[in-house]
Amino acid sequence: MFTTSARHHAFSLMLTLALLASLVADARGNIAAVLEGKDENDKCQKLIKARRSLSAANIMQLVRQEKSDVVVCLALGIYMETGKPDVAEAANLIAACAQRRSMFGDTMLIAAVSSQAPEIAKQYVPDDRPKNRGAGQLAGALLAMYARTVDLGPVQYRVPQPEDFAGGPPPDEKKMKAKAKQREKGKRAKPMINAADKAEVTRITKVLLTSGSDEETLEFALITAAHLELEDLAEQVEALAKHRSNAVQALRQYYLARIGKPIEEETVTRVLKSVDRIPQAATKCTGLLSNYEITTSPHCYACMAIEIAPDAKYLPLLYRSLDSRDIRVQIDAARAIEAIASPESVAPLVKAMQRCEWPTLVAICSALGGIPSTEPVDALIKRLGEEKGRFRLDLNHALSSIFGKQHAQTAEDWQTWWESKKDVKPDPKKTEAFRDEIRVQDVKCDFLGFFYHAPIYSDRIAFVLDTSASMRGDKIENLKQNLKQTLESL
């Protein structure tokens, strides 16, 4: 016979088990519905509705049976972010998803931005050796992506002024003040990572650097060491000085620069003079420039090292890189040229500006703006007159940086001002002060429309609208009204 208390506990246990069984059955049913969805969008909608009951087994079922990487990535992302999953289960799921090579980088990003990244990597390298070669690659790739996300640092904020608001009321003042406190001006901030995570990441990276890892895993480990500035690994990195891979050698230089050590001129020169295999997708504006590839060209790493340890002796090599067919290399070369800020770089930059793709144009505008010289002014004004969208901001910022102040917004007004000020000489201190205070998005420029309080400068835009349950009632009606006003304003 049950006592009253025992009956109560037994009933509670039975109810809990029944509820769990119901949830499992519901999740299985939902996954079946997802798999039977008529298209990718329909599957994603069903997956979002089932998000609260997704289990590791459900995700594994999708990995095995679902063809769409988008659906599988969404499922993994939901699973990693709804609650704190079991680390061992999460590691198994990530390994399974990563086996789909087309979503390797996406998988690593999802794992990297979770709060458990170092713990998950530990599952692959529990002691002084990876469980196997595949485990080493998984740990290396995960930590490399984790290090890159940590190195991005805090988001930069600026409190908008009343004249910034094209439509709608300003955001909540308290929130804007809180955001303002997060803003950092000036130099790159050191990566923020707590001591326990740093110790674990350092241990795993050391193992990958010393356990005879393949070239790709070594690259991952060096990326981690460089981005997190793991000075304790200097000896292990130096031991790779005779490795024959250009990527490894270029990453060694990037690591040395990041920890404040001098880079090796001979190694940097050899890398930048070498012939690199250029993916066709990197020669034009494609998804390769903005997707989640973890590694890049060795030439990029060499340019990144020079950017951190700028020296004019590398300029001829950087001009050569600026002419590369690889857009990724062009961008990093322009950034390194900007760091050196030599007046002799103006002509090569202007020449490249006339024929480059838009991602390189952004970097070139920034580089020209950092050189207080009037030589590129005519070319910048001419290009400004040809632009209709967001690059008007980049070009206005470059012109304003050169003179330390924004004197106009349109090509016509800049031309009028410039013709009356031909004898003006830029002041490097004013240029530096302007660039420290004013970001590209802060310059004044005619906007093409607005969304709520945000001005729209680009003529290529996409709207991502929140229609979840939290938007019910007045919020969704307000969203509809503002979107209607935006489309009419355009």
Protein backbone atom coordinates (compact mmCIF):
# COMPACT_ATOMS: atom_id res chain seq x y z
CA MET A 1 0.00 0.00 0.00
CA PHE A 2 1.21 3.53 -0.84
CA THR A 3 1.20 6.18 1.86
CA THR A 4 -0.38 9.51 0.95
CA SER A 5 3.06 11.00 0.33
CA ALA A 6 4.18 7.98 -1.70
CA ARG A 7 0.99 8.11 -3.79
CA HIS A 8 1.65 11.79 -4.45
CA HIS A 9 5.23 11.11 -5.59
CA ALA A 10 4.20 8.12 -7.67
CA PHE A 11 1.51 10.19 -9.38
CA SER A 12 4.01 13.02 -10.02
CA LEU A 13 6.52 10.56 -11.48
CA MET A 14 3.89 8.95 -13.73
CA LEU A 15 2.73 12.39 -14.88
CA THR A 16 6.32 13.47 -15.61
CA LEU A 17 7.02 10.26 -17.55
CA ALA A 18 3.80 10.66 -19.50
CA LEU A 19 4.71 14.27 -20.30
CA LEU A 20 8.20 13.27 -21.45
CA ALA A 21 6.76 10.49 -23.58
CA SER A 22 4.33 12.98 -25.06
CA LEU A 23 7.15 15.40 -25.83
CA VAL A 24 9.26 12.66 -27.45
CA ALA A 25 6.30 11.54 -29.54
CA ASP A 26 5.54 15.15 -30.42
CA ALA A 27 9.16 15.78 -31.41
CA ARG A 28 9.19 12.64 -33.55
CA GLY A 29 5.99 13.74 -35.19
CA ASN A 30 7.34 17.22 -35.76
CA ILE A 31 10.56 15.91 -37.31
CA ALA A 32 8.52 13.67 -39.59
CA ALA A 33 6.51 16.75 -40.57
CA VAL A 34 9.73 18.69 -41.20
CA LEU A 35 11.08 15.94 -43.46
CA GLU A 36 7.78 15.87 -45.34
CA GLY A 37 7.76 19.66 -45.86
CA LYS A 38 7.03 20.78 -49.40
CA ASP A 39 10.14 22.97 -49.70
CA GLU A 40 13.04 24.40 -47.71
CA ASN A 41 11.04 27.35 -46.40
CA ASP A 42 8.16 25.15 -45.27
CA LYS A 43 10.59 22.81 -43.49
CA CYS A 44 12.23 25.73 -41.68
CA GLN A 45 8.84 27.07 -40.55
CA LYS A 46 7.88 23.66 -39.14
CA LEU A 47 11.26 23.34 -37.49
CA ILE A 48 10.85 26.69 -35.73
CA LYS A 49 7.44 25.60 -34.41
CA ALA A 50 8.99 22.40 -33.05
CA ARG A 51 11.99 24.19 -31.53
CA ARG A 52 11.08 23.65 -27.88
CA SER A 53 10.97 19.87 -28.20
CA LEU A 54 14.03 19.18 -30.37
CA SER A 55 16.39 16.54 -29.04
CA ALA A 56 19.86 15.39 -30.09
CA ALA A 57 18.24 12.31 -31.67
CA ASN A 58 15.97 14.58 -33.74
CA ILE A 59 18.93 16.57 -35.05
CA MET A 60 20.81 13.36 -35.88
CA GLN A 61 17.77 12.14 -37.80
CA LEU A 62 17.78 15.33 -39.84
CA VAL A 63 21.52 15.00 -40.48
CA ARG A 64 20.94 11.53 -41.91
CA GLN A 65 17.75 12.17 -43.89
CA GLU A 66 17.46 15.88 -44.76
CA LYS A 67 19.16 17.06 -47.97
CA SER A 68 19.03 20.81 -47.28
CA ASP A 69 22.02 22.20 -45.37
CA VAL A 70 19.93 25.24 -44.43
CA VAL A 71 17.40 23.08 -42.58
CA VAL A 72 20.10 21.08 -40.78
CA CYS A 73 22.01 24.25 -39.80
CA LEU A 74 18.83 25.81 -38.43
CA ALA A 75 18.09 22.67 -36.41
CA LEU A 76 21.62 22.57 -34.97
CA GLY A 77 21.51 26.27 -34.15
CA ILE A 78 18.18 25.92 -32.35
CA TYR A 79 19.43 22.92 -30.40
CA MET A 80 22.64 24.69 -29.32
CA GLU A 81 20.84 27.86 -28.23
CA THR A 82 17.68 26.52 -26.53
CA GLY A 83 19.07 25.52 -23.18
CA LYS A 84 22.54 24.19 -22.44
CA PRO A 85 22.88 20.84 -24.22
CA ASP A 86 24.95 17.98 -22.92
CA VAL A 87 28.54 18.65 -24.05
CA ALA A 88 29.22 15.09 -25.22
CA GLU A 89 25.96 15.02 -27.21
CA ALA A 90 26.72 18.42 -28.69
CA ALA A 91 30.20 17.25 -29.73
CA ASN A 92 28.74 14.19 -31.48
CA LEU A 93 26.16 16.30 -33.31
CA ILE A 94 28.77 18.81 -34.45
CA ALA A 95 30.97 15.99 -35.72
CA ALA A 96 28.04 14.52 -37.64
CA CYS A 97 27.07 17.86 -39.17
CA ALA A 98 30.68 18.67 -40.06
CA GLN A 99 30.89 15.49 -42.12
CA ARG A 100 28.64 17.27 -44.61
CA ARG A 101 31.56 19.20 -46.10
CA SER A 102 29.28 21.82 -47.62
CA MET A 103 28.32 22.95 -44.13
CA PHE A 104 31.63 22.45 -42.32
CA GLY A 105 32.24 26.16 -41.76
CA ASP A 106 28.62 26.84 -40.80
CA THR A 107 28.74 24.04 -38.24
CA MET A 108 31.94 25.40 -36.72
CA LEU A 109 30.44 28.89 -36.45
CA ILE A 110 27.30 27.59 -34.70
CA ALA A 111 29.49 25.70 -32.23
CA ALA A 112 31.92 28.61 -31.82
CA VAL A 113 29.31 31.16 -30.80
CA SER A 114 27.80 28.84 -28.21
CA SER A 115 28.89 29.27 -24.60
CA GLN A 116 30.39 25.77 -24.63
CA ALA A 117 32.98 25.99 -27.42
CA PRO A 118 36.11 25.18 -25.32
CA GLU A 119 34.26 22.37 -23.51
CA ILE A 120 33.14 20.86 -26.81
CA ALA A 121 36.67 21.05 -28.23
CA LYS A 122 37.87 19.22 -25.11
CA GLN A 123 35.68 16.27 -26.10
CA TYR A 124 37.83 15.82 -29.20
CA VAL A 125 41.17 16.34 -27.38
CA PRO A 126 40.61 15.09 -23.82
CA ASP A 127 44.30 14.73 -22.94
CA ASP A 128 47.69 14.99 -24.67
CA ARG A 129 46.53 13.65 -28.05
CA PRO A 130 43.43 14.00 -30.24
CA LYS A 131 41.15 10.98 -30.24
CA ASN A 132 41.95 10.62 -33.95
CA ARG A 133 42.88 12.75 -36.94
CA GLY A 134 39.30 13.78 -37.55
CA ALA A 135 38.92 14.79 -33.90
CA GLY A 136 42.02 16.97 -34.19
CA GLN A 137 40.59 18.74 -37.23
CA LEU A 138 37.27 19.28 -35.49
CA ALA A 139 38.92 20.74 -32.37
CA GLY A 140 41.22 22.92 -34.47
CA ALA A 141 38.45 24.23 -36.72
CA LEU A 142 36.11 24.90 -33.79
CA LEU A 143 38.75 26.79 -31.80
CA ALA A 144 39.90 28.75 -34.87
CA MET A 145 36.37 29.97 -35.48
CA TYR A 146 35.90 30.59 -31.75
CA ALA A 147 39.11 32.65 -31.63
CA ARG A 148 37.99 34.75 -34.59
CA THR A 149 34.61 35.50 -33.02
CA VAL A 150 36.23 36.42 -29.69
CA ASP A 151 38.73 38.65 -31.49
CA LEU A 152 35.94 40.67 -33.10
CA GLY A 153 35.53 42.36 -29.75
CA PRO A 154 32.59 44.46 -28.60
CA VAL A 155 30.19 46.01 -31.07
CA GLN A 156 30.77 49.71 -31.61
CA TYR A 157 27.90 52.06 -30.79
CA ARG A 158 27.21 55.76 -31.21
CA VAL A 159 24.36 57.67 -29.58
CA PRO A 160 22.30 59.14 -32.45
CA GLN A 161 21.60 62.86 -32.44
CA PRO A 162 18.06 64.23 -33.03
CA GLU A 163 18.93 65.25 -36.59
CA ASP A 164 19.87 61.63 -37.37
CA PHE A 165 16.27 60.47 -37.18
CA ALA A 166 14.56 60.43 -40.56
CA GLY A 167 11.31 58.99 -39.25
CA GLY A 168 9.81 57.54 -36.12
CA PRO A 169 10.75 58.36 -32.50
CA PRO A 170 14.33 57.96 -31.21
CA PRO A 171 15.16 54.68 -29.41
CA ASP A 172 14.87 54.42 -25.65
CA GLU A 173 17.32 56.93 -24.13
CA LYS A 174 18.48 54.60 -21.35
CA LYS A 175 19.25 51.83 -23.81
CA MET A 176 21.19 54.20 -26.05
CA LYS A 177 23.24 55.43 -23.10
CA ALA A 178 24.00 51.84 -22.13
CA LYS A 179 25.13 51.15 -25.68
CA ALA A 180 27.25 54.31 -25.66
CA LYS A 181 29.19 52.96 -22.68
CA GLN A 182 30.08 49.90 -24.73
CA ARG A 183 31.64 51.92 -27.50
CA GLU A 184 35.41 51.87 -27.77
CA LYS A 185 37.37 54.30 -29.89
CA GLY A 186 40.85 53.91 -31.30
CA LYS A 187 43.01 50.82 -31.52
CA ARG A 188 41.99 47.18 -31.65
CA ALA A 189 41.02 45.85 -28.25
CA LYS A 190 42.74 42.74 -26.91
CA PRO A 191 40.58 39.62 -27.18
CA MET A 192 38.43 39.03 -24.11
CA ILE A 193 38.45 35.46 -22.78
CA ASN A 194 38.17 34.19 -19.21
CA ALA A 195 41.14 32.48 -17.59
CA ALA A 196 39.64 28.98 -17.48
CA ASP A 197 38.65 28.98 -21.15
CA LYS A 198 42.00 30.48 -22.15
CA ALA A 199 43.87 27.75 -20.26
CA GLU A 200 41.82 25.01 -21.93
CA VAL A 201 42.14 26.54 -25.40
CA THR A 202 45.89 26.96 -24.90
CA ARG A 203 46.25 23.33 -23.84
CA ILE A 204 44.33 21.97 -26.82
CA THR A 205 46.10 24.27 -29.29
CA LYS A 206 49.48 23.21 -27.90
CA VAL A 207 48.54 19.56 -28.45
CA LEU A 208 47.52 20.29 -32.05
CA LEU A 209 50.78 22.14 -32.72
CA THR A 210 52.97 19.35 -31.36
CA SER A 211 51.20 16.06 -32.11
CA GLY A 212 52.09 15.72 -35.78
CA SER A 213 48.86 17.25 -37.05
CA ASP A 214 48.14 17.55 -40.76
CA GLU A 215 48.71 20.90 -42.49
CA GLU A 216 45.08 22.02 -42.29
CA THR A 217 44.88 21.33 -38.56
CA LEU A 218 48.15 23.22 -38.03
CA GLU A 219 46.60 26.20 -39.82
CA PHE A 220 43.59 26.02 -37.52
CA ALA A 221 45.84 25.89 -34.45
CA LEU A 222 47.93 28.85 -35.62
CA ILE A 223 44.80 30.90 -36.33
CA THR A 224 43.67 30.24 -32.75
CA ALA A 225 47.06 31.12 -31.28
CA ALA A 226 47.28 34.33 -33.32
CA HIS A 227 43.76 35.67 -32.78
CA LEU A 228 43.81 34.98 -29.04
CA GLU A 229 47.45 36.14 -28.75
CA LEU A 230 48.49 32.99 -26.86
CA GLU A 231 52.05 34.01 -25.96
CA ASP A 232 52.64 30.77 -24.04
CA LEU A 233 52.74 28.91 -27.38
CA ALA A 234 55.66 30.89 -28.86
CA GLU A 235 58.03 27.92 -28.50
CA GLN A 236 55.65 25.52 -30.25
CA VAL A 237 55.02 28.01 -33.06
CA GLU A 238 58.76 28.60 -33.51
CA ALA A 239 59.27 24.84 -33.85
CA LEU A 240 57.34 25.08 -37.15
CA ALA A 241 59.90 27.46 -38.67
CA LYS A 242 61.06 24.84 -41.17
CA HIS A 243 57.61 23.64 -42.19
CA ARG A 244 57.34 23.73 -45.97
CA SER A 245 53.78 25.05 -46.14
CA ASN A 246 53.43 28.71 -47.17
CA ALA A 247 50.19 28.92 -45.18
CA VAL A 248 51.90 27.71 -42.01
CA GLN A 249 54.80 30.13 -42.51
CA ALA A 250 52.51 33.07 -43.24
CA LEU A 251 50.44 32.27 -40.15
CA ARG A 252 53.64 32.11 -38.10
CA GLN A 253 54.32 35.69 -39.15
CA TYR A 254 50.80 36.74 -38.26
CA TYR A 255 51.18 35.12 -34.85
CA LEU A 256 54.52 36.85 -34.25
CA ALA A 257 53.01 40.22 -35.15
CA ARG A 258 50.00 39.65 -32.88
CA ILE A 259 52.17 38.90 -29.83
CA GLY A 260 54.44 41.88 -30.52
CA LYS A 261 57.44 40.01 -31.96
CA PRO A 262 59.26 41.15 -35.14
CA ILE A 263 58.17 39.40 -38.33
CA GLU A 264 60.71 37.74 -40.61
CA GLU A 265 61.32 39.76 -43.78
CA GLU A 266 62.68 36.77 -45.70
CA THR A 267 59.64 34.61 -44.90
CA VAL A 268 57.09 37.34 -45.66
CA THR A 269 58.84 38.13 -48.96
CA ARG A 270 58.96 34.47 -49.97
CA VAL A 271 55.25 34.02 -49.27
CA LEU A 272 54.15 37.15 -51.14
CA LYS A 273 56.33 36.29 -54.14
CA SER A 274 55.05 32.71 -54.30
CA VAL A 275 52.42 31.57 -56.77
CA ASP A 276 49.24 30.72 -54.91
CA ARG A 277 46.32 28.66 -56.14
CA ILE A 278 43.42 31.08 -56.48
CA PRO A 279 39.88 29.67 -56.26
CA GLN A 280 37.77 30.88 -59.17
CA ALA A 281 35.11 32.03 -56.71
CA ALA A 282 37.64 34.41 -55.10
CA THR A 283 38.17 36.36 -58.33
CA LYS A 284 34.70 37.90 -58.32
CA CYS A 285 32.03 38.92 -55.82
CA THR A 286 30.67 35.58 -54.66
CA GLY A 287 29.66 34.01 -51.37
CA LEU A 288 33.27 32.89 -50.81
CA LEU A 289 34.08 36.44 -49.70
CA SER A 290 31.54 36.42 -46.89
CA ASN A 291 30.87 32.81 -45.95
CA TYR A 292 32.33 30.82 -43.09
CA GLU A 293 35.52 29.48 -44.62
CA ILE A 294 37.95 29.17 -41.73
CA THR A 295 41.20 29.56 -43.65
CA THR A 296 42.22 31.93 -46.43
CA SER A 297 45.14 32.57 -48.80
CA PRO A 298 48.71 32.55 -47.36
CA HIS A 299 49.14 35.92 -49.08
CA CYS A 300 46.33 37.26 -46.91
CA TYR A 301 48.05 36.13 -43.72
CA ALA A 302 51.31 37.77 -44.83
CA CYS A 303 49.46 41.05 -45.53
CA MET A 304 47.72 40.80 -42.16
CA ALA A 305 51.11 40.44 -40.46
CA ILE A 306 52.37 43.58 -42.22
CA GLU A 307 49.22 45.45 -41.24
CA ILE A 308 50.01 44.83 -37.57
CA ALA A 309 53.76 45.46 -37.99
CA PRO A 310 53.76 48.09 -40.78
CA ASP A 311 57.01 48.82 -42.62
CA ALA A 312 57.43 50.75 -45.88
CA LYS A 313 59.98 48.21 -47.16
CA TYR A 314 57.07 45.87 -47.92
CA LEU A 315 55.20 48.36 -50.13
CA PRO A 316 56.40 46.94 -53.50
CA LEU A 317 55.15 43.51 -52.45
CA LEU A 318 51.84 44.98 -51.29
CA TYR A 319 51.33 46.81 -54.61
CA ARG A 320 51.87 43.48 -56.33
CA SER A 321 49.30 41.90 -54.02
CA LEU A 322 46.89 44.75 -54.78
CA ASP A 323 46.99 43.55 -58.40
CA SER A 324 46.22 39.94 -57.44
CA ARG A 325 43.25 38.24 -59.08
CA ASP A 326 42.21 37.12 -55.58
CA ILE A 327 39.85 39.75 -54.11
CA ARG A 328 40.64 38.52 -50.60
CA VAL A 329 44.32 39.33 -51.14
CA GLN A 330 43.49 42.73 -52.64
CA ILE A 331 41.50 43.67 -49.53
CA ASP A 332 44.22 42.64 -47.06
CA ALA A 333 46.91 44.32 -49.17
CA ALA A 334 44.91 47.58 -49.11
CA ARG A 335 44.56 47.33 -45.34
CA ALA A 336 48.30 46.81 -44.92
CA ILE A 337 48.98 49.77 -47.22
CA GLU A 338 46.63 51.84 -45.08
CA ALA A 339 48.59 50.89 -41.94
CA ILE A 340 51.83 52.10 -43.54
CA ALA A 341 50.13 55.31 -44.75
CA SER A 342 52.84 56.36 -47.20
CA PRO A 343 52.09 59.17 -49.70
CA GLU A 344 53.78 57.09 -52.40
CA SER A 345 50.89 54.59 -52.12
CA VAL A 346 48.30 57.04 -53.45
CA ALA A 347 48.96 56.37 -57.15
CA PRO A 348 48.75 52.54 -56.88
CA LEU A 349 45.59 52.84 -54.78
CA VAL A 350 43.91 55.23 -57.23
CA LYS A 351 44.86 52.95 -60.12
CA ALA A 352 43.34 49.94 -58.32
CA MET A 353 40.21 51.93 -57.42
CA GLN A 354 39.37 52.44 -61.07
CA ARG A 355 38.99 48.73 -61.82
CA CYS A 356 38.37 46.92 -58.53
CA GLU A 357 35.31 45.06 -57.29
CA TRP A 358 33.25 46.72 -54.57
CA PRO A 359 34.71 44.85 -51.53
CA THR A 360 38.16 46.11 -52.50
CA LEU A 361 36.76 49.61 -53.07
CA VAL A 362 35.76 49.78 -49.39
CA ALA A 363 39.33 48.98 -48.29
CA ILE A 364 40.89 51.36 -50.84
CA CYS A 365 38.67 54.27 -49.77
CA SER A 366 39.71 53.65 -46.17
CA ALA A 367 43.39 53.52 -47.17
CA LEU A 368 43.23 56.74 -49.21
CA GLY A 369 41.42 58.50 -46.38
CA GLY A 370 44.22 57.58 -44.00
CA ILE A 371 46.87 59.30 -46.14
CA PRO A 372 46.72 63.09 -45.72
CA SER A 373 47.47 63.93 -49.35
CA THR A 374 45.48 65.95 -51.90
CA GLU A 375 46.70 63.77 -54.77
CA PRO A 376 43.66 61.42 -54.80
CA VAL A 377 41.02 64.15 -54.30
CA ASP A 378 40.05 64.55 -57.98
CA ALA A 379 39.76 60.77 -58.43
CA LEU A 380 37.66 60.42 -55.27
CA ILE A 381 35.29 63.23 -56.29
CA LYS A 382 34.92 61.73 -59.77
CA ARG A 383 34.09 58.30 -58.31
CA LEU A 384 31.64 59.89 -55.85
CA GLY A 385 29.74 61.36 -58.81
CA GLU A 386 29.38 57.87 -60.29
CA GLU A 387 27.97 56.24 -57.15
CA LYS A 388 24.27 56.03 -56.25
CA GLY A 389 24.30 53.80 -53.18
CA ARG A 390 26.23 53.22 -49.96
CA PHE A 391 29.70 53.84 -51.44
CA ARG A 392 28.87 57.52 -51.27
CA LEU A 393 29.50 57.08 -47.54
CA ASP A 394 32.94 55.51 -48.08
CA LEU A 395 33.98 58.18 -50.58
CA ASN A 396 32.67 61.02 -48.42
CA HIS A 397 34.54 59.58 -45.46
CA ALA A 398 37.78 59.34 -47.46
CA LEU A 399 37.52 62.95 -48.67
CA SER A 400 36.55 64.22 -45.23
CA SER A 401 39.41 62.27 -43.60
CA ILE A 402 41.98 63.87 -45.90
CA PHE A 403 40.88 67.38 -44.91
CA GLY A 404 39.97 66.56 -41.30
CA LYS A 405 36.41 67.76 -41.80
CA GLN A 406 33.41 67.06 -44.01
CA HIS A 407 32.99 70.08 -46.29
CA ALA A 408 30.35 68.64 -48.67
CA GLN A 409 28.15 65.63 -49.37
CA THR A 410 27.80 65.43 -53.15
CA ALA A 411 30.40 65.31 -55.91
CA GLU A 412 29.19 68.67 -57.24
CA ASP A 413 29.53 70.39 -53.85
CA TRP A 414 32.90 68.77 -53.18
CA GLN A 415 34.13 69.93 -56.59
CA THR A 416 32.97 73.51 -55.90
CA TRP A 417 34.64 73.51 -52.49
CA TRP A 418 37.84 71.95 -53.85
CA GLU A 419 38.18 74.48 -56.67
CA SER A 420 38.08 77.28 -54.11
CA LYS A 421 40.60 75.57 -51.80
CA LYS A 422 43.30 74.29 -54.16
CA ASP A 423 46.04 75.68 -51.93
CA VAL A 424 44.86 73.85 -48.79
CA LYS A 425 47.34 71.46 -47.19
CA PRO A 426 46.02 68.49 -45.21
CA ASP A 427 46.99 68.26 -41.56
CA PRO A 428 47.91 64.71 -40.47
CA LYS A 429 46.74 65.43 -36.91
CA LYS A 430 43.32 66.57 -38.15
CA THR A 431 43.08 63.51 -40.38
CA GLU A 432 43.83 61.21 -37.46
CA ALA A 433 41.43 63.04 -35.15
CA PHE A 434 38.62 62.88 -37.71
CA ARG A 435 39.08 59.15 -38.28
CA ASP A 436 39.18 58.47 -34.53
CA GLU A 437 35.91 60.30 -34.00
CA ILE A 438 33.89 59.74 -37.18
CA ARG A 439 33.19 56.33 -38.66
CA VAL A 440 32.09 55.73 -42.25
CA GLN A 441 28.45 55.40 -41.19
CA ASP A 442 28.66 58.69 -39.28
CA VAL A 443 29.34 60.99 -42.25
CA LYS A 444 26.51 63.08 -43.65
CA CYS A 445 25.04 61.98 -46.96
CA ASP A 446 21.67 62.20 -48.69
CA PHE A 447 19.64 59.15 -47.75
CA LEU A 448 17.39 57.26 -50.14
CA GLY A 449 14.74 56.41 -47.56
CA PHE A 450 14.37 55.39 -43.95
CA PHE A 451 13.21 52.50 -41.78
CA TYR A 452 11.94 53.59 -38.37
CA HIS A 453 14.71 56.02 -37.31
CA ALA A 454 17.44 54.49 -39.49
CA PRO A 455 18.37 56.27 -42.74
CA ILE A 456 18.92 54.08 -45.82
CA TYR A 457 21.91 54.94 -48.00
CA SER A 458 22.21 51.79 -50.07
CA ASP A 459 20.29 51.08 -53.26
CA ARG A 460 20.56 47.32 -52.57
CA ILE A 461 18.69 46.40 -49.41
CA ALA A 462 17.02 43.46 -47.75
CA PHE A 463 14.54 43.47 -44.88
CA VAL A 464 14.55 40.74 -42.22
CA LEU A 465 11.29 41.12 -40.30
CA ASP A 466 10.45 39.60 -36.92
CA THR A 467 6.95 38.11 -37.08
CA SER A 468 7.26 35.89 -34.00
CA ALA A 469 4.72 35.74 -31.17
CA SER A 470 6.49 38.58 -29.34
CA MET A 471 5.43 40.91 -32.18
CA ARG A 472 1.70 40.36 -31.77
CA GLY A 473 -0.69 43.30 -31.42
CA ASP A 474 0.52 46.88 -31.69
CA LYS A 475 4.11 45.88 -32.47
CA ILE A 476 3.30 44.06 -35.70
CA GLU A 477 0.92 46.81 -36.79
CA ASN A 478 3.62 49.38 -36.14
CA LEU A 479 6.07 47.27 -38.15
CA LYS A 480 3.65 47.08 -41.08
CA GLN A 481 3.10 50.83 -40.99
CA ASN A 482 6.83 51.61 -40.88
CA LEU A 483 7.64 49.14 -43.66
CA LYS A 484 4.90 50.66 -45.81
CA GLN A 485 6.33 54.14 -45.20
CA THR A 486 9.83 52.85 -46.03
CA LEU A 487 8.79 51.30 -49.33
CA GLU A 488 6.88 54.45 -50.27
CA SER A 489 9.90 56.62 -49.40
CA LEU A 490 12.09 54.55 -51.71
